[in-house]
């Protein structure tokens, strides 16, 4: 007897449907979270690349390499704004 379990998979936009700024924003948020929780060293490109490849969005390596610098810059801006807001 074949038993199947029904699963609900939430709909996510395919990455190809997202604009560049949306992809960078998502990546930056993941980098901020990694910096705050895992002490990610953003000076190591390999660590940043691995962090972005391991996200739930499962970015392809070409997407990570194309947008990584902008995502790092935006993540640092978010962190600076956070520090200024706490001061």
PDB file of N, CA and C in Angstrom:
ATOM      1  N   UNK A   1       0.843  -1.179   0.000  1.00  0.00           N
ATOM      2  CA  UNK A   1       0.000   0.000   0.000  1.00  0.00           C
ATOM      3  C   UNK A   1       0.888   1.243   0.000  1.00  0.00           C
ATOM      4  N   UNK A   2       0.563   2.115  -0.863  1.00  0.00           N
ATOM      5  CA  UNK A   2       1.352   3.325  -1.019  1.00  0.00           C
ATOM      6  C   UNK A   2       0.724   4.459  -0.218  1.00  0.00           C
ATOM      7  N   UNK A   3       1.449   4.989   0.735  1.00  0.00           N
ATOM      8  CA  UNK A   3       0.926   6.096   1.533  1.00  0.00           C
ATOM      9  C   UNK A   3       1.745   7.341   1.227  1.00  0.00           C
ATOM     10  N   UNK A   4       1.040   8.383   0.874  1.00  0.00           N
ATOM     11  CA  UNK A   4       1.697   9.644   0.581  1.00  0.00           C
ATOM     12  C   UNK A   4       1.306  10.661   1.637  1.00  0.00           C
ATOM     13  N   UNK A   5       2.249  11.461   2.024  1.00  0.00           N
ATOM     14  CA  UNK A   5       1.992  12.522   2.977  1.00  0.00           C
ATOM     15  C   UNK A   5       1.863  13.824   2.196  1.00  0.00           C
ATOM     16  N   UNK A   6       0.750  14.475   2.386  1.00  0.00           N
ATOM     17  CA  UNK A   6       0.541  15.759   1.704  1.00  0.00           C
ATOM     18  C   UNK A   6       1.378  16.819   2.386  1.00  0.00           C
ATOM     19  N   UNK A   7       2.112  17.561   1.599  1.00  0.00           N
ATOM     20  CA  UNK A   7       2.953  18.620   2.141  1.00  0.00           C
ATOM     21  C   UNK A   7       2.565  19.936   1.492  1.00  0.00           C
ATOM     22  N   UNK A   8       2.581  20.978   2.278  1.00  0.00           N
ATOM     23  CA  UNK A   8       2.332  22.313   1.748  1.00  0.00           C
ATOM     24  C   UNK A   8       3.676  22.999   1.603  1.00  0.00           C
ATOM     25  N   UNK A   9       3.968  23.406   0.401  1.00  0.00           N
ATOM     26  CA  UNK A   9       5.219  24.108   0.135  1.00  0.00           C
ATOM     27  C   UNK A   9       4.871  25.558  -0.131  1.00  0.00           C
ATOM     28  N   UNK A  10       5.378  26.467   0.699  1.00  0.00           N
ATOM     29  CA  UNK A  10       5.028  27.879   0.490  1.00  0.00           C
ATOM     30  C   UNK A  10       5.563  28.375  -0.839  1.00  0.00           C
ATOM     31  N   UNK A  11       4.791  29.222  -1.473  1.00  0.00           N
ATOM     32  CA  UNK A  11       5.199  29.777  -2.760  1.00  0.00           C
ATOM     33  C   UNK A  11       6.280  30.827  -2.551  1.00  0.00           C
ATOM     34  N   UNK A  12       7.327  30.710  -3.308  1.00  0.00           N
ATOM     35  CA  UNK A  12       8.374  31.730  -3.315  1.00  0.00           C
ATOM     36  C   UNK A  12       8.611  32.137  -4.758  1.00  0.00           C
ATOM     37  N   UNK A  13       8.846  33.405  -4.944  1.00  0.00           N
ATOM     38  CA  UNK A  13       9.185  33.881  -6.272  1.00  0.00           C
ATOM     39  C   UNK A  13      10.499  33.239  -6.709  1.00  0.00           C
ATOM     40  N   UNK A  14      10.577  32.792  -7.930  1.00  0.00           N
ATOM     41  CA  UNK A  14      11.886  32.326  -8.404  1.00  0.00           C
ATOM     42  C   UNK A  14      12.855  33.502  -8.452  1.00  0.00           C
ATOM     43  N   UNK A  15      14.099  33.233  -8.196  1.00  0.00           N
ATOM     44  CA  UNK A  15      15.090  34.312  -8.168  1.00  0.00           C
ATOM     45  C   UNK A  15      15.143  35.098  -9.468  1.00  0.00           C
ATOM     46  N   UNK A  16      14.843  34.427 -10.557  1.00  0.00           N
ATOM     47  CA  UNK A  16      14.887  35.108 -11.841  1.00  0.00           C
ATOM     48  C   UNK A  16      13.814  36.198 -11.928  1.00  0.00           C
ATOM     49  N   UNK A  17      12.763  36.074 -11.114  1.00  0.00           N
ATOM     50  CA  UNK A  17      11.677  37.048 -11.145  1.00  0.00           C
ATOM     51  C   UNK A  17      11.960  38.259 -10.255  1.00  0.00           C
ATOM     52  N   UNK A  18      13.005  38.185  -9.450  1.00  0.00           N
ATOM     53  CA  UNK A  18      13.326  39.286  -8.550  1.00  0.00           C
ATOM     54  C   UNK A  18      14.210  40.316  -9.246  1.00  0.00           C
ATOM     55  N   UNK A  19      14.017  41.563  -8.853  1.00  0.00           N
ATOM     56  CA  UNK A  19      14.885  42.625  -9.362  1.00  0.00           C
ATOM     57  C   UNK A  19      16.236  42.541  -8.643  1.00  0.00           C
ATOM     58  N   UNK A  20      17.228  43.167  -9.242  1.00  0.00           N
ATOM     59  CA  UNK A  20      18.582  43.134  -8.683  1.00  0.00           C
ATOM     60  C   UNK A  20      18.614  43.689  -7.260  1.00  0.00           C
ATOM     61  N   UNK A  21      17.932  44.804  -7.018  1.00  0.00           N
ATOM     62  CA  UNK A  21      17.958  45.405  -5.688  1.00  0.00           C
ATOM     63  C   UNK A  21      17.281  44.511  -4.652  1.00  0.00           C
ATOM     64  N   UNK A  22      16.279  43.725  -5.069  1.00  0.00           N
ATOM     65  CA  UNK A  22      15.634  42.790  -4.145  1.00  0.00           C
ATOM     66  C   UNK A  22      16.581  41.656  -3.757  1.00  0.00           C
ATOM     67  N   UNK A  23      17.330  41.159  -4.734  1.00  0.00           N
ATOM     68  CA  UNK A  23      18.301  40.087  -4.465  1.00  0.00           C
ATOM     69  C   UNK A  23      19.387  40.603  -3.523  1.00  0.00           C
ATOM     70  N   UNK A  24      19.897  41.799  -3.795  1.00  0.00           N
ATOM     71  CA  UNK A  24      20.938  42.384  -2.946  1.00  0.00           C
ATOM     72  C   UNK A  24      20.406  42.592  -1.529  1.00  0.00           C
ATOM     73  N   UNK A  25      19.164  43.051  -1.408  1.00  0.00           N
ATOM     74  CA  UNK A  25      18.556  43.271  -0.099  1.00  0.00           C
ATOM     75  C   UNK A  25      18.444  41.964   0.689  1.00  0.00           C
ATOM     76  N   UNK A  26      18.011  40.909   0.040  1.00  0.00           N
ATOM     77  CA  UNK A  26      17.902  39.601   0.702  1.00  0.00           C
ATOM     78  C   UNK A  26      19.280  39.122   1.155  1.00  0.00           C
ATOM     79  N   UNK A  27      20.250  39.232   0.263  1.00  0.00           N
ATOM     80  CA  UNK A  27      21.611  38.809   0.604  1.00  0.00           C
ATOM     81  C   UNK A  27      22.163  39.627   1.768  1.00  0.00           C
ATOM     82  N   UNK A  28      21.935  40.932   1.753  1.00  0.00           N
ATOM     83  CA  UNK A  28      22.441  41.804   2.818  1.00  0.00           C
ATOM     84  C   UNK A  28      21.839  41.414   4.165  1.00  0.00           C
ATOM     85  N   UNK A  29      20.564  41.095   4.178  1.00  0.00           N
ATOM     86  CA  UNK A  29      19.918  40.688   5.432  1.00  0.00           C
ATOM     87  C   UNK A  29      20.517  39.392   5.971  1.00  0.00           C
ATOM     88  N   UNK A  30      20.820  38.462   5.081  1.00  0.00           N
ATOM     89  CA  UNK A  30      21.475  37.225   5.513  1.00  0.00           C
ATOM     90  C   UNK A  30      22.874  37.507   6.056  1.00  0.00           C
ATOM     91  N   UNK A  31      23.587  38.420   5.421  1.00  0.00           N
ATOM     92  CA  UNK A  31      24.929  38.761   5.893  1.00  0.00           C
ATOM     93  C   UNK A  31      24.880  39.443   7.256  1.00  0.00           C
ATOM     94  N   UNK A  32      23.918  40.344   7.454  1.00  0.00           N
ATOM     95  CA  UNK A  32      23.767  41.009   8.753  1.00  0.00           C
ATOM     96  C   UNK A  32      23.492  39.972   9.832  1.00  0.00           C
ATOM     97  N   UNK A  33      22.591  39.052   9.545  1.00  0.00           N
ATOM     98  CA  UNK A  33      22.278  38.002  10.523  1.00  0.00           C
ATOM     99  C   UNK A  33      23.510  37.161  10.836  1.00  0.00           C
ATOM    100  N   UNK A  34      24.292  36.828   9.807  1.00  0.00           N
ATOM    101  CA  UNK A  34      25.495  36.024  10.028  1.00  0.00           C
ATOM    102  C   UNK A  34      26.555  36.803  10.804  1.00  0.00           C
ATOM    103  N   UNK A  35      26.652  38.091  10.539  1.00  0.00           N
ATOM    104  CA  UNK A  35      27.626  38.925  11.263  1.00  0.00           C
ATOM    105  C   UNK A  35      27.251  39.005  12.735  1.00  0.00           C
ATOM    106  N   UNK A  36      25.974  39.206  13.006  1.00  0.00           N
ATOM    107  CA  UNK A  36      25.519  39.368  14.387  1.00  0.00           C
ATOM    108  C   UNK A  36      25.495  38.066  15.177  1.00  0.00           C
ATOM    109  N   UNK A  37      25.178  36.963  14.521  1.00  0.00           N
ATOM    110  CA  UNK A  37      25.045  35.697  15.260  1.00  0.00           C
ATOM    111  C   UNK A  37      26.279  34.808  15.176  1.00  0.00           C
ATOM    112  N   UNK A  38      26.929  34.790  14.025  1.00  0.00           N
ATOM    113  CA  UNK A  38      28.050  33.866  13.819  1.00  0.00           C
ATOM    114  C   UNK A  38      29.393  34.571  13.717  1.00  0.00           C
ATOM    115  N   UNK A  39      29.425  35.867  13.927  1.00  0.00           N
ATOM    116  CA  UNK A  39      30.654  36.650  13.794  1.00  0.00           C
ATOM    117  C   UNK A  39      31.323  36.440  12.439  1.00  0.00           C
ATOM    118  N   UNK A  40      30.529  36.544  11.389  1.00  0.00           N
ATOM    119  CA  UNK A  40      31.051  36.402  10.029  1.00  0.00           C
ATOM    120  C   UNK A  40      32.108  37.459   9.765  1.00  0.00           C
ATOM    121  N   UNK A  41      33.239  37.043   9.214  1.00  0.00           N
ATOM    122  CA  UNK A  41      34.318  37.955   8.834  1.00  0.00           C
ATOM    123  C   UNK A  41      34.094  38.362   7.385  1.00  0.00           C
ATOM    124  N   UNK A  42      33.630  39.584   7.181  1.00  0.00           N
ATOM    125  CA  UNK A  42      33.321  40.025   5.816  1.00  0.00           C
ATOM    126  C   UNK A  42      34.553  40.329   4.977  1.00  0.00           C
ATOM    127  N   UNK A  43      35.717  40.326   5.592  1.00  0.00           N
ATOM    128  CA  UNK A  43      36.934  40.537   4.800  1.00  0.00           C
ATOM    129  C   UNK A  43      37.340  39.263   4.061  1.00  0.00           C
ATOM    130  N   UNK A  44      36.774  38.136   4.459  1.00  0.00           N
ATOM    131  CA  UNK A  44      37.046  36.867   3.786  1.00  0.00           C
ATOM    132  C   UNK A  44      35.937  36.589   2.768  1.00  0.00           C
ATOM    133  N   UNK A  45      36.278  36.773   1.495  1.00  0.00           N
ATOM    134  CA  UNK A  45      35.280  36.539   0.449  1.00  0.00           C
ATOM    135  C   UNK A  45      34.765  35.107   0.457  1.00  0.00           C
ATOM    136  N   UNK A  46      35.625  34.164   0.766  1.00  0.00           N
ATOM    137  CA  UNK A  46      35.194  32.756   0.778  1.00  0.00           C
ATOM    138  C   UNK A  46      34.127  32.516   1.847  1.00  0.00           C
ATOM    139  N   UNK A  47      34.283  33.140   3.013  1.00  0.00           N
ATOM    140  CA  UNK A  47      33.284  32.991   4.077  1.00  0.00           C
ATOM    141  C   UNK A  47      31.958  33.627   3.673  1.00  0.00           C
ATOM    142  N   UNK A  48      32.039  34.784   3.039  1.00  0.00           N
ATOM    143  CA  UNK A  48      30.825  35.473   2.589  1.00  0.00           C
ATOM    144  C   UNK A  48      30.123  34.644   1.517  1.00  0.00           C
ATOM    145  N   UNK A  49      30.882  34.137   0.566  1.00  0.00           N
ATOM    146  CA  UNK A  49      30.309  33.311  -0.502  1.00  0.00           C
ATOM    147  C   UNK A  49      29.636  32.083   0.081  1.00  0.00           C
ATOM    148  N   UNK A  50      30.308  31.394   0.996  1.00  0.00           N
ATOM    149  CA  UNK A  50      29.736  30.190   1.594  1.00  0.00           C
ATOM    150  C   UNK A  50      28.467  30.506   2.377  1.00  0.00           C
ATOM    151  N   UNK A  51      28.468  31.632   3.089  1.00  0.00           N
ATOM    152  CA  UNK A  51      27.283  32.042   3.836  1.00  0.00           C
ATOM    153  C   UNK A  51      26.102  32.262   2.898  1.00  0.00           C
ATOM    154  N   UNK A  52      26.343  32.942   1.789  1.00  0.00           N
ATOM    155  CA  UNK A  52      25.262  33.228   0.846  1.00  0.00           C
ATOM    156  C   UNK A  52      24.800  31.988   0.090  1.00  0.00           C
ATOM    157  N   UNK A  53      25.697  31.061  -0.135  1.00  0.00           N
ATOM    158  CA  UNK A  53      25.300  29.813  -0.798  1.00  0.00           C
ATOM    159  C   UNK A  53      24.461  28.932   0.124  1.00  0.00           C
ATOM    160  N   UNK A  54      24.634  29.093   1.433  1.00  0.00           N
ATOM    161  CA  UNK A  54      23.921  28.256   2.401  1.00  0.00           C
ATOM    162  C   UNK A  54      22.577  28.833   2.851  1.00  0.00           C
ATOM    163  N   UNK A  55      22.115  29.897   2.228  1.00  0.00           N
ATOM    164  CA  UNK A  55      20.847  30.498   2.631  1.00  0.00           C
ATOM    165  C   UNK A  55      19.671  29.664   2.124  1.00  0.00           C
ATOM    166  N   UNK A  56      18.492  29.848   2.721  1.00  0.00           N
ATOM    167  CA  UNK A  56      17.315  29.099   2.251  1.00  0.00           C
ATOM    168  C   UNK A  56      16.953  29.394   0.791  1.00  0.00           C
ATOM    169  N   UNK A  57      17.341  30.553   0.296  1.00  0.00           N
ATOM    170  CA  UNK A  57      17.047  30.891  -1.101  1.00  0.00           C
ATOM    171  C   UNK A  57      17.881  30.079  -2.082  1.00  0.00           C
ATOM    172  N   UNK A  58      18.947  29.475  -1.596  1.00  0.00           N
ATOM    173  CA  UNK A  58      19.822  28.631  -2.418  1.00  0.00           C
ATOM    174  C   UNK A  58      20.287  29.378  -3.675  1.00  0.00           C
ATOM    175  N   UNK A  59      20.905  30.547  -3.429  1.00  0.00           N
ATOM    176  CA  UNK A  59      21.422  31.339  -4.538  1.00  0.00           C
ATOM    177  C   UNK A  59      22.448  30.536  -5.327  1.00  0.00           C
ATOM    178  N   UNK A  60      22.423  30.687  -6.621  1.00  0.00           N
ATOM    179  CA  UNK A  60      23.429  30.041  -7.463  1.00  0.00           C
ATOM    180  C   UNK A  60      24.732  30.817  -7.337  1.00  0.00           C
ATOM    181  N   UNK A  61      25.834  30.146  -7.582  1.00  0.00           N
ATOM    182  CA  UNK A  61      27.135  30.781  -7.399  1.00  0.00           C
ATOM    183  C   UNK A  61      27.307  32.013  -8.287  1.00  0.00           C
ATOM    184  N   UNK A  62      26.774  31.974  -9.488  1.00  0.00           N
ATOM    185  CA  UNK A  62      26.909  33.148 -10.373  1.00  0.00           C
ATOM    186  C   UNK A  62      26.153  34.349  -9.810  1.00  0.00           C
ATOM    187  N   UNK A  63      25.005  34.097  -9.169  1.00  0.00           N
ATOM    188  CA  UNK A  63      24.226  35.174  -8.563  1.00  0.00           C
ATOM    189  C   UNK A  63      24.993  35.749  -7.373  1.00  0.00           C
ATOM    190  N   UNK A  64      25.560  34.855  -6.568  1.00  0.00           N
ATOM    191  CA  UNK A  64      26.336  35.306  -5.402  1.00  0.00           C
ATOM    192  C   UNK A  64      27.520  36.151  -5.851  1.00  0.00           C
ATOM    193  N   UNK A  65      28.257  35.670  -6.827  1.00  0.00           N
ATOM    194  CA  UNK A  65      29.438  36.409  -7.290  1.00  0.00           C
ATOM    195  C   UNK A  65      29.066  37.742  -7.930  1.00  0.00           C
ATOM    196  N   UNK A  66      27.929  37.797  -8.621  1.00  0.00           N
ATOM    197  CA  UNK A  66      27.511  39.038  -9.271  1.00  0.00           C
ATOM    198  C   UNK A  66      27.055  40.106  -8.283  1.00  0.00           C
ATOM    199  N   UNK A  67      26.489  39.696  -7.149  1.00  0.00           N
ATOM    200  CA  UNK A  67      25.865  40.656  -6.241  1.00  0.00           C
ATOM    201  C   UNK A  67      26.525  40.753  -4.869  1.00  0.00           C
ATOM    202  N   UNK A  68      27.557  39.968  -4.625  1.00  0.00           N
ATOM    203  CA  UNK A  68      28.165  39.879  -3.302  1.00  0.00           C
ATOM    204  C   UNK A  68      28.708  41.223  -2.798  1.00  0.00           C
ATOM    205  N   UNK A  69      29.411  41.961  -3.640  1.00  0.00           N
ATOM    206  CA  UNK A  69      30.008  43.228  -3.197  1.00  0.00           C
ATOM    207  C   UNK A  69      28.944  44.235  -2.784  1.00  0.00           C
ATOM    208  N   UNK A  70      27.873  44.320  -3.565  1.00  0.00           N
ATOM    209  CA  UNK A  70      26.789  45.240  -3.216  1.00  0.00           C
ATOM    210  C   UNK A  70      26.080  44.797  -1.945  1.00  0.00           C
ATOM    211  N   UNK A  71      25.917  43.488  -1.775  1.00  0.00           N
ATOM    212  CA  UNK A  71      25.270  42.972  -0.567  1.00  0.00           C
ATOM    213  C   UNK A  71      26.126  43.245   0.670  1.00  0.00           C
ATOM    214  N   UNK A  72      27.449  43.101   0.537  1.00  0.00           N
ATOM    215  CA  UNK A  72      28.336  43.410   1.666  1.00  0.00           C
ATOM    216  C   UNK A  72      28.253  44.892   2.032  1.00  0.00           C
ATOM    217  N   UNK A  73      28.255  45.750   1.033  1.00  0.00           N
ATOM    218  CA  UNK A  73      28.172  47.188   1.285  1.00  0.00           C
ATOM    219  C   UNK A  73      26.851  47.545   1.966  1.00  0.00           C
ATOM    220  N   UNK A  74      25.754  46.962   1.491  1.00  0.00           N
ATOM    221  CA  UNK A  74      24.455  47.248   2.103  1.00  0.00           C
ATOM    222  C   UNK A  74      24.384  46.697   3.527  1.00  0.00           C
ATOM    223  N   UNK A  75      24.966  45.521   3.749  1.00  0.00           N
ATOM    224  CA  UNK A  75      24.977  44.943   5.103  1.00  0.00           C
ATOM    225  C   UNK A  75      25.736  45.846   6.069  1.00  0.00           C
ATOM    226  N   UNK A  76      26.857  46.377   5.620  1.00  0.00           N
ATOM    227  CA  UNK A  76      27.623  47.280   6.481  1.00  0.00           C
ATOM    228  C   UNK A  76      26.856  48.570   6.762  1.00  0.00           C
ATOM    229  N   UNK A  77      26.115  49.066   5.776  1.00  0.00           N
ATOM    230  CA  UNK A  77      25.281  50.249   5.995  1.00  0.00           C
ATOM    231  C   UNK A  77      24.190  49.963   7.023  1.00  0.00           C
ATOM    232  N   UNK A  78      23.595  48.781   6.941  1.00  0.00           N
ATOM    233  CA  UNK A  78      22.561  48.394   7.907  1.00  0.00           C
ATOM    234  C   UNK A  78      23.142  48.336   9.309  1.00  0.00           C
ATOM    235  N   UNK A  79      24.334  47.764   9.441  1.00  0.00           N
ATOM    236  CA  UNK A  79      24.982  47.654  10.752  1.00  0.00           C
ATOM    237  C   UNK A  79      25.347  49.042  11.309  1.00  0.00           C
ATOM    238  N   UNK A  80      25.829  49.918  10.457  1.00  0.00           N
ATOM    239  CA  UNK A  80      26.161  51.282  10.905  1.00  0.00           C
ATOM    240  C   UNK A  80      24.909  52.012  11.360  1.00  0.00           C
ATOM    241  N   UNK A  81      23.840  51.895  10.593  1.00  0.00           N
ATOM    242  CA  UNK A  81      22.570  52.535  10.959  1.00  0.00           C
ATOM    243  C   UNK A  81      22.051  51.972  12.279  1.00  0.00           C
ATOM    244  N   UNK A  82      22.259  50.704  12.482  1.00  0.00           N
ATOM    245  CA  UNK A  82      21.821  50.052  13.725  1.00  0.00           C
ATOM    246  C   UNK A  82      22.600  50.609  14.918  1.00  0.00           C
ATOM    247  N   UNK A  83      23.922  50.754  14.744  1.00  0.00           N
ATOM    248  CA  UNK A  83      24.754  51.293  15.814  1.00  0.00           C
ATOM    249  C   UNK A  83      24.404  52.735  16.117  1.00  0.00           C
ATOM    250  N   UNK A  84      24.148  53.536  15.089  1.00  0.00           N
ATOM    251  CA  UNK A  84      23.783  54.932  15.282  1.00  0.00           C
ATOM    252  C   UNK A  84      22.430  55.008  16.000  1.00  0.00           C
ATOM    253  N   UNK A  85      21.519  54.136  15.649  1.00  0.00           N
ATOM    254  CA  UNK A  85      20.204  54.115  16.271  1.00  0.00           C
ATOM    255  C   UNK A  85      20.253  53.732  17.737  1.00  0.00           C
ATOM    256  N   UNK A  86      21.231  52.895  18.113  1.00  0.00           N
ATOM    257  CA  UNK A  86      21.363  52.467  19.500  1.00  0.00           C
ATOM    258  C   UNK A  86      22.086  53.501  20.357  1.00  0.00           C
ATOM    259  N   UNK A  87      22.845  54.383  19.710  1.00  0.00           N
ATOM    260  CA  UNK A  87      23.638  55.370  20.449  1.00  0.00           C
ATOM    261  C   UNK A  87      22.806  56.485  21.029  1.00  0.00           C
TER     262      UNK A  87
END
